[in-house]
Amino acid sequence: MNLWQGILWFTVKGLFLVAVAYAGIKLGIYLRKRHNDKLAKSEDNNNA
């Protein structure tokens, strides 16, 4: 493996890891928001 192949491989791997981390964070925020909405709805039903 020469230098350019190494740099290219490292860049692709880095971008892939960034994409996975970004997707994971987005999914985590979405799931937490949905969970909070469910909790809020159940609390509203209990109060009513």
PDB file of N, CA and C in Angstrom:
ATOM      1  N   MET A   1       0.861  -1.200   0.000  1.00  0.00           N
ATOM      2  CA  MET A   1       0.000   0.000   0.000  1.00  0.00           C
ATOM      3  C   MET A   1       0.892   1.242   0.000  1.00  0.00           C
ATOM      4  N   ASN A   2       0.745   2.094  -0.991  1.00  0.00           N
ATOM      5  CA  ASN A   2       1.565   3.304  -1.013  1.00  0.00           C
ATOM      6  C   ASN A   2       0.896   4.420  -0.203  1.00  0.00           C
ATOM      7  N   LEU A   3       1.568   5.557  -0.131  1.00  0.00           N
ATOM      8  CA  LEU A   3       1.105   6.661   0.716  1.00  0.00           C
ATOM      9  C   LEU A   3      -0.299   7.124   0.331  1.00  0.00           C
ATOM     10  N   TRP A   4      -0.548   7.326  -0.986  1.00  0.00           N
ATOM     11  CA  TRP A   4      -1.845   7.846  -1.410  1.00  0.00           C
ATOM     12  C   TRP A   4      -2.974   6.870  -1.105  1.00  0.00           C
ATOM     13  N   GLN A   5      -2.722   5.574  -1.278  1.00  0.00           N
ATOM     14  CA  GLN A   5      -3.748   4.592  -0.948  1.00  0.00           C
ATOM     15  C   GLN A   5      -4.055   4.641   0.553  1.00  0.00           C
ATOM     16  N   GLY A   6      -3.006   4.806   1.354  1.00  0.00           N
ATOM     17  CA  GLY A   6      -3.177   4.906   2.803  1.00  0.00           C
ATOM     18  C   GLY A   6      -4.007   6.116   3.191  1.00  0.00           C
ATOM     19  N   ILE A   7      -3.685   7.268   2.580  1.00  0.00           N
ATOM     20  CA  ILE A   7      -4.425   8.498   2.873  1.00  0.00           C
ATOM     21  C   ILE A   7      -5.886   8.356   2.450  1.00  0.00           C
ATOM     22  N   LEU A   8      -6.102   7.801   1.254  1.00  0.00           N
ATOM     23  CA  LEU A   8      -7.462   7.631   0.748  1.00  0.00           C
ATOM     24  C   LEU A   8      -8.252   6.702   1.660  1.00  0.00           C
ATOM     25  N   TRP A   9      -7.660   5.582   2.043  1.00  0.00           N
ATOM     26  CA  TRP A   9      -8.323   4.617   2.918  1.00  0.00           C
ATOM     27  C   TRP A   9      -8.669   5.260   4.251  1.00  0.00           C
ATOM     28  N   PHE A  10      -7.705   6.007   4.813  1.00  0.00           N
ATOM     29  CA  PHE A  10      -7.921   6.665   6.102  1.00  0.00           C
ATOM     30  C   PHE A  10      -9.048   7.684   6.010  1.00  0.00           C
ATOM     31  N   THR A  11      -9.088   8.446   4.890  1.00  0.00           N
ATOM     32  CA  THR A  11     -10.129   9.458   4.689  1.00  0.00           C
ATOM     33  C   THR A  11     -11.496   8.815   4.583  1.00  0.00           C
ATOM     34  N   VAL A  12     -11.602   7.751   3.783  1.00  0.00           N
ATOM     35  CA  VAL A  12     -12.879   7.061   3.618  1.00  0.00           C
ATOM     36  C   VAL A  12     -13.341   6.492   4.945  1.00  0.00           C
ATOM     37  N   LYS A  13     -12.415   5.873   5.684  1.00  0.00           N
ATOM     38  CA  LYS A  13     -12.750   5.301   6.988  1.00  0.00           C
ATOM     39  C   LYS A  13     -13.202   6.403   7.949  1.00  0.00           C
ATOM     40  N   GLY A  14     -12.513   7.533   7.936  1.00  0.00           N
ATOM     41  CA  GLY A  14     -12.863   8.652   8.805  1.00  0.00           C
ATOM     42  C   GLY A  14     -14.254   9.188   8.494  1.00  0.00           C
ATOM     43  N   LEU A  15     -14.533   9.378   7.195  1.00  0.00           N
ATOM     44  CA  LEU A  15     -15.846   9.875   6.792  1.00  0.00           C
ATOM     45  C   LEU A  15     -16.943   8.894   7.191  1.00  0.00           C
ATOM     46  N   PHE A  16     -16.662   7.597   7.038  1.00  0.00           N
ATOM     47  CA  PHE A  16     -17.642   6.576   7.400  1.00  0.00           C
ATOM     48  C   PHE A  16     -17.942   6.630   8.902  1.00  0.00           C
ATOM     49  N   LEU A  17     -16.888   6.749   9.712  1.00  0.00           N
ATOM     50  CA  LEU A  17     -17.087   6.816  11.160  1.00  0.00           C
ATOM     51  C   LEU A  17     -17.863   8.071  11.552  1.00  0.00           C
ATOM     52  N   VAL A  18     -17.570   9.191  10.897  1.00  0.00           N
ATOM     53  CA  VAL A  18     -18.298  10.440  11.174  1.00  0.00           C
ATOM     54  C   VAL A  18     -19.774  10.274  10.817  1.00  0.00           C
ATOM     55  N   ALA A  19     -20.037   9.652   9.661  1.00  0.00           N
ATOM     56  CA  ALA A  19     -21.420   9.448   9.228  1.00  0.00           C
ATOM     57  C   ALA A  19     -22.172   8.555  10.206  1.00  0.00           C
ATOM     58  N   VAL A  20     -21.514   7.486  10.665  1.00  0.00           N
ATOM     59  CA  VAL A  20     -22.148   6.571  11.620  1.00  0.00           C
ATOM     60  C   VAL A  20     -22.430   7.286  12.939  1.00  0.00           C
ATOM     61  N   ALA A  21     -21.461   8.053  13.422  1.00  0.00           N
ATOM     62  CA  ALA A  21     -21.637   8.787  14.679  1.00  0.00           C
ATOM     63  C   ALA A  21     -22.774   9.805  14.548  1.00  0.00           C
ATOM     64  N   TYR A  22     -22.819  10.524  13.415  1.00  0.00           N
ATOM     65  CA  TYR A  22     -23.858  11.529  13.179  1.00  0.00           C
ATOM     66  C   TYR A  22     -25.237  10.882  13.157  1.00  0.00           C
ATOM     67  N   ALA A  23     -25.335   9.756  12.441  1.00  0.00           N
ATOM     68  CA  ALA A  23     -26.617   9.047  12.362  1.00  0.00           C
ATOM     69  C   ALA A  23     -27.028   8.551  13.749  1.00  0.00           C
ATOM     70  N   GLY A  24     -26.072   8.055  14.517  1.00  0.00           N
ATOM     71  CA  GLY A  24     -26.364   7.564  15.865  1.00  0.00           C
ATOM     72  C   GLY A  24     -26.882   8.672  16.770  1.00  0.00           C
ATOM     73  N   ILE A  25     -26.250   9.840  16.692  1.00  0.00           N
ATOM     74  CA  ILE A  25     -26.680  10.974  17.514  1.00  0.00           C
ATOM     75  C   ILE A  25     -28.088  11.414  17.113  1.00  0.00           C
ATOM     76  N   LYS A  26     -28.317  11.528  15.795  1.00  0.00           N
ATOM     77  CA  LYS A  26     -29.643  11.932  15.301  1.00  0.00           C
ATOM     78  C   LYS A  26     -30.712  10.941  15.765  1.00  0.00           C
ATOM     79  N   LEU A  27     -30.396   9.652  15.656  1.00  0.00           N
ATOM     80  CA  LEU A  27     -31.354   8.621  16.055  1.00  0.00           C
ATOM     81  C   LEU A  27     -31.612   8.705  17.554  1.00  0.00           C
ATOM     82  N   GLY A  28     -30.559   8.909  18.341  1.00  0.00           N
ATOM     83  CA  GLY A  28     -30.707   9.017  19.789  1.00  0.00           C
ATOM     84  C   GLY A  28     -31.594  10.194  20.180  1.00  0.00           C
ATOM     85  N   ILE A  29     -31.386  11.349  19.541  1.00  0.00           N
ATOM     86  CA  ILE A  29     -32.203  12.531  19.826  1.00  0.00           C
ATOM     87  C   ILE A  29     -33.654  12.264  19.456  1.00  0.00           C
ATOM     88  N   TYR A  30     -33.867  11.636  18.287  1.00  0.00           N
ATOM     89  CA  TYR A  30     -35.228  11.344  17.820  1.00  0.00           C
ATOM     90  C   TYR A  30     -35.943  10.403  18.777  1.00  0.00           C
ATOM     91  N   LEU A  31     -35.249   9.337  19.193  1.00  0.00           N
ATOM     92  CA  LEU A  31     -35.874   8.366  20.085  1.00  0.00           C
ATOM     93  C   LEU A  31     -36.171   8.987  21.448  1.00  0.00           C
ATOM     94  N   ARG A  32     -35.250   9.811  21.961  1.00  0.00           N
ATOM     95  CA  ARG A  32     -35.475  10.448  23.259  1.00  0.00           C
ATOM     96  C   ARG A  32     -36.664  11.394  23.165  1.00  0.00           C
ATOM     97  N   LYS A  33     -36.764  12.143  22.052  1.00  0.00           N
ATOM     98  CA  LYS A  33     -37.877  13.071  21.863  1.00  0.00           C
ATOM     99  C   LYS A  33     -39.198  12.308  21.819  1.00  0.00           C
ATOM    100  N   ARG A  34     -39.226  11.198  21.084  1.00  0.00           N
ATOM    101  CA  ARG A  34     -40.436  10.393  20.984  1.00  0.00           C
ATOM    102  C   ARG A  34     -40.809   9.834  22.352  1.00  0.00           C
ATOM    103  N   HIS A  35     -39.802   9.379  23.107  1.00  0.00           N
ATOM    104  CA  HIS A  35     -40.045   8.823  24.436  1.00  0.00           C
ATOM    105  C   HIS A  35     -40.630   9.898  25.354  1.00  0.00           C
ATOM    106  N   ASN A  36     -40.080  11.109  25.291  1.00  0.00           N
ATOM    107  CA  ASN A  36     -40.592  12.209  26.113  1.00  0.00           C
ATOM    108  C   ASN A  36     -42.017  12.565  25.724  1.00  0.00           C
ATOM    109  N   ASP A  37     -42.318  12.530  24.419  1.00  0.00           N
ATOM    110  CA  ASP A  37     -43.684  12.823  23.963  1.00  0.00           C
ATOM    111  C   ASP A  37     -44.652  11.786  24.528  1.00  0.00           C
ATOM    112  N   LYS A  38     -44.249  10.517  24.522  1.00  0.00           N
ATOM    113  CA  LYS A  38     -45.105   9.463  25.070  1.00  0.00           C
ATOM    114  C   LYS A  38     -45.336   9.690  26.559  1.00  0.00           C
ATOM    115  N   LEU A  39     -44.266  10.045  27.290  1.00  0.00           N
ATOM    116  CA  LEU A  39     -44.406  10.302  28.720  1.00  0.00           C
ATOM    117  C   LEU A  39     -45.351  11.472  28.964  1.00  0.00           C
ATOM    118  N   ALA A  40     -45.211  12.527  28.176  1.00  0.00           N
ATOM    119  CA  ALA A  40     -46.066  13.703  28.335  1.00  0.00           C
ATOM    120  C   ALA A  40     -47.523  13.338  28.075  1.00  0.00           C
ATOM    121  N   LYS A  41     -47.771  12.541  27.043  1.00  0.00           N
ATOM    122  CA  LYS A  41     -49.147  12.149  26.730  1.00  0.00           C
ATOM    123  C   LYS A  41     -49.744  11.316  27.850  1.00  0.00           C
ATOM    124  N   SER A  42     -48.979  10.376  28.392  1.00  0.00           N
ATOM    125  CA  SER A  42     -49.511   9.528  29.466  1.00  0.00           C
ATOM    126  C   SER A  42     -49.769  10.364  30.722  1.00  0.00           C
ATOM    127  N   GLU A  43     -48.914  11.359  30.983  1.00  0.00           N
ATOM    128  CA  GLU A  43     -49.136  12.241  32.131  1.00  0.00           C
ATOM    129  C   GLU A  43     -50.408  13.062  31.940  1.00  0.00           C
ATOM    130  N   ASP A  44     -50.633  13.539  30.732  1.00  0.00           N
ATOM    131  CA  ASP A  44     -51.848  14.303  30.440  1.00  0.00           C
ATOM    132  C   ASP A  44     -53.085  13.438  30.687  1.00  0.00           C
ATOM    133  N   ASN A  45     -53.035  12.189  30.259  1.00  0.00           N
ATOM    134  CA  ASN A  45     -54.165  11.290  30.453  1.00  0.00           C
ATOM    135  C   ASN A  45     -54.407  11.038  31.946  1.00  0.00           C
ATOM    136  N   ASN A  46     -53.325  10.914  32.711  1.00  0.00           N
ATOM    137  CA  ASN A  46     -53.481  10.669  34.147  1.00  0.00           C
ATOM    138  C   ASN A  46     -54.069  11.887  34.855  1.00  0.00           C
ATOM    139  N   ASN A  47     -53.684  13.082  34.412  1.00  0.00           N
ATOM    140  CA  ASN A  47     -54.173  14.302  35.045  1.00  0.00           C
ATOM    141  C   ASN A  47     -55.637  14.568  34.697  1.00  0.00           C
ATOM    142  N   ALA A  48     -56.047  14.157  33.525  1.00  0.00           N
ATOM    143  CA  ALA A  48     -57.409  14.472  33.063  1.00  0.00           C
ATOM    144  C   ALA A  48     -58.470  13.699  33.834  1.00  0.00           C
TER     145      ALA A  48
END
